[in-house]
Amino acid sequence: MKEALRLAGLNYELTLFEDGHQALKRFDLIGSEPAAVYPDVFLLDLNLPRSDGGEVLRSLRENTRWSRLLVVILTSSESPTDRALADTYDATYFRKPNELDPFLKIGAYIRDLLHQPVEGNQ
């Protein structure tokens, strides 16, 4: 994913979390630090240990601080339930491609999402 973002012209610092619980703890910490740098996008896999991706997504959306954060789900799941979860919680859903070229195109799509005006901030 890092290479896909770089090739799309996005030079972002990526923070990786080993599990959903760790991600939620970090978001709580960011929210409590007045000078914290807020993320521009959150790339989320639904298949996470401890707190799964669905739980992480629901927790973020229930917190007003994170309710408008751009969330992009990258998962191996083809489940209609997982797609419905993404729709319900306003997240962009991608099934992880098996080949490099389609995977790299996801970086360009994320770039385009980041450059769209946010409703109410136009």
C-alpha atoms as a PDB file:
ATOM      1  CA  MET A   1       0.000   0.000   0.000  1.00  0.00           C
ATOM      2  CA  LYS A   2       2.861   2.332   0.803  1.00  0.00           C
ATOM      3  CA  GLU A   3       4.190   1.946  -2.749  1.00  0.00           C
ATOM      4  CA  ALA A   4       0.723   2.476  -4.234  1.00  0.00           C
ATOM      5  CA  LEU A   5       0.373   5.771  -2.341  1.00  0.00           C
ATOM      6  CA  ARG A   6       3.891   6.876  -3.295  1.00  0.00           C
ATOM      7  CA  LEU A   7       3.290   6.168  -6.988  1.00  0.00           C
ATOM      8  CA  ALA A   8       0.048   8.159  -6.774  1.00  0.00           C
ATOM      9  CA  GLY A   9       2.066  11.162  -5.575  1.00  0.00           C
ATOM     10  CA  LEU A  10       1.009  10.907  -1.946  1.00  0.00           C
ATOM     11  CA  ASN A  11       3.863  11.299   0.484  1.00  0.00           C
ATOM     12  CA  TYR A  12       2.201  10.357   3.741  1.00  0.00           C
ATOM     13  CA  GLU A  13       3.542   9.014   6.963  1.00  0.00           C
ATOM     14  CA  LEU A  14       1.981   5.618   7.535  1.00  0.00           C
ATOM     15  CA  THR A  15       1.358   4.310  11.012  1.00  0.00           C
ATOM     16  CA  LEU A  16       0.721   0.581  11.208  1.00  0.00           C
ATOM     17  CA  PHE A  17      -1.217  -1.126  13.971  1.00  0.00           C
ATOM     18  CA  GLU A  18      -0.888  -4.783  14.852  1.00  0.00           C
ATOM     19  CA  ASP A  19      -4.523  -5.128  15.821  1.00  0.00           C
ATOM     20  CA  GLY A  20      -7.796  -3.241  16.100  1.00  0.00           C
ATOM     21  CA  HIS A  21      -7.394  -2.647  19.828  1.00  0.00           C
ATOM     22  CA  GLN A  22      -4.072  -0.879  19.254  1.00  0.00           C
ATOM     23  CA  ALA A  23      -5.636   1.304  16.537  1.00  0.00           C
ATOM     24  CA  LEU A  24      -8.503   2.360  18.803  1.00  0.00           C
ATOM     25  CA  LYS A  25      -6.093   3.199  21.625  1.00  0.00           C
ATOM     26  CA  ARG A  26      -4.069   5.394  19.245  1.00  0.00           C
ATOM     27  CA  PHE A  27      -7.171   7.232  18.039  1.00  0.00           C
ATOM     28  CA  ASP A  28      -8.156   7.894  21.658  1.00  0.00           C
ATOM     29  CA  LEU A  29      -4.668   9.249  22.325  1.00  0.00           C
ATOM     30  CA  ILE A  30      -4.704  11.495  19.246  1.00  0.00           C
ATOM     31  CA  GLY A  31      -8.080  12.857  20.302  1.00  0.00           C
ATOM     32  CA  SER A  32      -6.827  13.738  23.769  1.00  0.00           C
ATOM     33  CA  GLU A  33      -3.682  15.587  22.607  1.00  0.00           C
ATOM     34  CA  PRO A  34      -4.465  19.230  21.754  1.00  0.00           C
ATOM     35  CA  ALA A  35      -1.496  19.560  19.366  1.00  0.00           C
ATOM     36  CA  ALA A  36      -1.902  16.142  17.764  1.00  0.00           C
ATOM     37  CA  VAL A  37      -1.789  15.805  14.003  1.00  0.00           C
ATOM     38  CA  TYR A  38      -5.009  14.224  12.840  1.00  0.00           C
ATOM     39  CA  PRO A  39      -4.877  11.578  10.116  1.00  0.00           C
ATOM     40  CA  ASP A  40      -6.103  12.396   6.628  1.00  0.00           C
ATOM     41  CA  VAL A  41      -7.162   8.849   5.865  1.00  0.00           C
ATOM     42  CA  PHE A  42      -7.504   5.581   7.736  1.00  0.00           C
ATOM     43  CA  LEU A  43      -6.793   2.384   5.794  1.00  0.00           C
ATOM     44  CA  LEU A  44      -8.608  -0.448   7.516  1.00  0.00           C
ATOM     45  CA  ASP A  45      -8.537  -4.198   7.097  1.00  0.00           C
ATOM     46  CA  LEU A  46     -11.618  -5.941   8.444  1.00  0.00           C
ATOM     47  CA  ASN A  47      -9.697  -9.062   9.444  1.00  0.00           C
ATOM     48  CA  LEU A  48      -7.866  -7.801  12.520  1.00  0.00           C
ATOM     49  CA  PRO A  49      -7.026  -9.580  15.762  1.00  0.00           C
ATOM     50  CA  ARG A  50      -8.457  -8.462  19.118  1.00  0.00           C
ATOM     51  CA  SER A  51     -10.869  -5.781  17.894  1.00  0.00           C
ATOM     52  CA  ASP A  52     -11.942  -6.614  14.349  1.00  0.00           C
ATOM     53  CA  GLY A  53     -12.194  -3.997  11.621  1.00  0.00           C
ATOM     54  CA  GLY A  54     -15.965  -3.742  11.924  1.00  0.00           C
ATOM     55  CA  GLU A  55     -15.673  -2.912  15.604  1.00  0.00           C
ATOM     56  CA  VAL A  56     -12.971  -0.345  14.869  1.00  0.00           C
ATOM     57  CA  LEU A  57     -15.093   1.285  12.160  1.00  0.00           C
ATOM     58  CA  ARG A  58     -18.193   1.436  14.380  1.00  0.00           C
ATOM     59  CA  SER A  59     -16.172   2.945  17.248  1.00  0.00           C
ATOM     60  CA  LEU A  60     -14.681   5.611  15.017  1.00  0.00           C
ATOM     61  CA  ARG A  61     -18.014   6.606  13.523  1.00  0.00           C
ATOM     62  CA  GLU A  62     -19.684   6.793  16.942  1.00  0.00           C
ATOM     63  CA  ASN A  63     -17.061   9.326  18.053  1.00  0.00           C
ATOM     64  CA  THR A  64     -17.879  12.784  16.668  1.00  0.00           C
ATOM     65  CA  ARG A  65     -14.167  13.560  16.425  1.00  0.00           C
ATOM     66  CA  TRP A  66     -13.732  10.784  13.823  1.00  0.00           C
ATOM     67  CA  SER A  67     -17.173  10.674  12.233  1.00  0.00           C
ATOM     68  CA  ARG A  68     -15.974  12.428   9.054  1.00  0.00           C
ATOM     69  CA  LEU A  69     -12.550  10.805   8.764  1.00  0.00           C
ATOM     70  CA  LEU A  70     -11.961   9.253   5.349  1.00  0.00           C
ATOM     71  CA  VAL A  71     -11.937   5.493   5.940  1.00  0.00           C
ATOM     72  CA  VAL A  72     -10.846   3.131   3.184  1.00  0.00           C
ATOM     73  CA  ILE A  73     -11.424  -0.548   3.821  1.00  0.00           C
ATOM     74  CA  LEU A  74      -8.929  -2.896   2.169  1.00  0.00           C
ATOM     75  CA  THR A  75      -9.923  -6.478   2.760  1.00  0.00           C
ATOM     76  CA  SER A  76      -9.800  -9.941   1.281  1.00  0.00           C
ATOM     77  CA  SER A  77     -13.485 -10.389   2.137  1.00  0.00           C
ATOM     78  CA  GLU A  78     -16.159 -10.602  -0.537  1.00  0.00           C
ATOM     79  CA  SER A  79     -18.937 -10.769   2.025  1.00  0.00           C
ATOM     80  CA  PRO A  80     -22.080  -8.738   1.244  1.00  0.00           C
ATOM     81  CA  THR A  81     -22.321  -8.125   4.994  1.00  0.00           C
ATOM     82  CA  ASP A  82     -18.902  -6.467   4.989  1.00  0.00           C
ATOM     83  CA  ARG A  83     -19.850  -4.305   2.011  1.00  0.00           C
ATOM     84  CA  ALA A  84     -23.053  -3.291   3.802  1.00  0.00           C
ATOM     85  CA  LEU A  85     -21.009  -2.399   6.890  1.00  0.00           C
ATOM     86  CA  ALA A  86     -18.845  -0.081   4.759  1.00  0.00           C
ATOM     87  CA  ASP A  87     -21.952   1.556   3.281  1.00  0.00           C
ATOM     88  CA  THR A  88     -23.607   1.956   6.671  1.00  0.00           C
ATOM     89  CA  TYR A  89     -20.551   3.651   8.165  1.00  0.00           C
ATOM     90  CA  ASP A  90     -19.609   5.729   5.116  1.00  0.00           C
ATOM     91  CA  ALA A  91     -16.376   3.936   4.256  1.00  0.00           C
ATOM     92  CA  THR A  92     -14.932   3.197   0.840  1.00  0.00           C
ATOM     93  CA  TYR A  93     -14.606  -0.543   0.248  1.00  0.00           C
ATOM     94  CA  PHE A  94     -11.933  -2.306  -1.793  1.00  0.00           C
ATOM     95  CA  ARG A  95     -11.369  -5.998  -2.092  1.00  0.00           C
ATOM     96  CA  LYS A  96      -7.607  -6.521  -2.082  1.00  0.00           C
ATOM     97  CA  PRO A  97      -6.535  -7.438  -5.591  1.00  0.00           C
ATOM     98  CA  ASN A  98      -4.252 -10.402  -6.155  1.00  0.00           C
ATOM     99  CA  GLU A  99      -2.123  -8.626  -8.760  1.00  0.00           C
ATOM    100  CA  LEU A 100       0.152  -5.620  -8.403  1.00  0.00           C
ATOM    101  CA  ASP A 101      -1.254  -3.310 -11.106  1.00  0.00           C
ATOM    102  CA  PRO A 102      -4.833  -3.202  -9.780  1.00  0.00           C
ATOM    103  CA  PHE A 103      -3.473  -2.791  -6.265  1.00  0.00           C
ATOM    104  CA  LEU A 104      -1.389   0.211  -7.338  1.00  0.00           C
ATOM    105  CA  LYS A 105      -4.497   1.822  -8.855  1.00  0.00           C
ATOM    106  CA  ILE A 106      -6.015   1.943  -5.377  1.00  0.00           C
ATOM    107  CA  GLY A 107      -3.365   4.555  -4.488  1.00  0.00           C
ATOM    108  CA  ALA A 108      -4.619   6.845  -7.267  1.00  0.00           C
ATOM    109  CA  TYR A 109      -8.202   6.331  -6.142  1.00  0.00           C
ATOM    110  CA  ILE A 110      -7.286   7.266  -2.559  1.00  0.00           C
ATOM    111  CA  ARG A 111      -5.472  10.357  -3.869  1.00  0.00           C
ATOM    112  CA  ASP A 112      -8.641  11.381  -5.707  1.00  0.00           C
ATOM    113  CA  LEU A 113     -10.757  10.812  -2.587  1.00  0.00           C
ATOM    114  CA  LEU A 114      -8.403  12.983  -0.530  1.00  0.00           C
ATOM    115  CA  HIS A 115      -8.707  15.829  -3.014  1.00  0.00           C
ATOM    116  CA  GLN A 116     -12.510  15.858  -3.100  1.00  0.00           C
ATOM    117  CA  PRO A 117     -14.094  18.716  -1.158  1.00  0.00           C
ATOM    118  CA  VAL A 118     -15.758  17.650   2.090  1.00  0.00           C
ATOM    119  CA  GLU A 119     -19.443  18.529   2.393  1.00  0.00           C
ATOM    120  CA  GLY A 120     -19.847  21.739   4.342  1.00  0.00           C
ATOM    121  CA  ASN A 121     -16.168  22.734   3.809  1.00  0.00           C
ATOM    122  CA  GLN A 122     -16.366  23.783   0.152  1.00  0.00           C
END
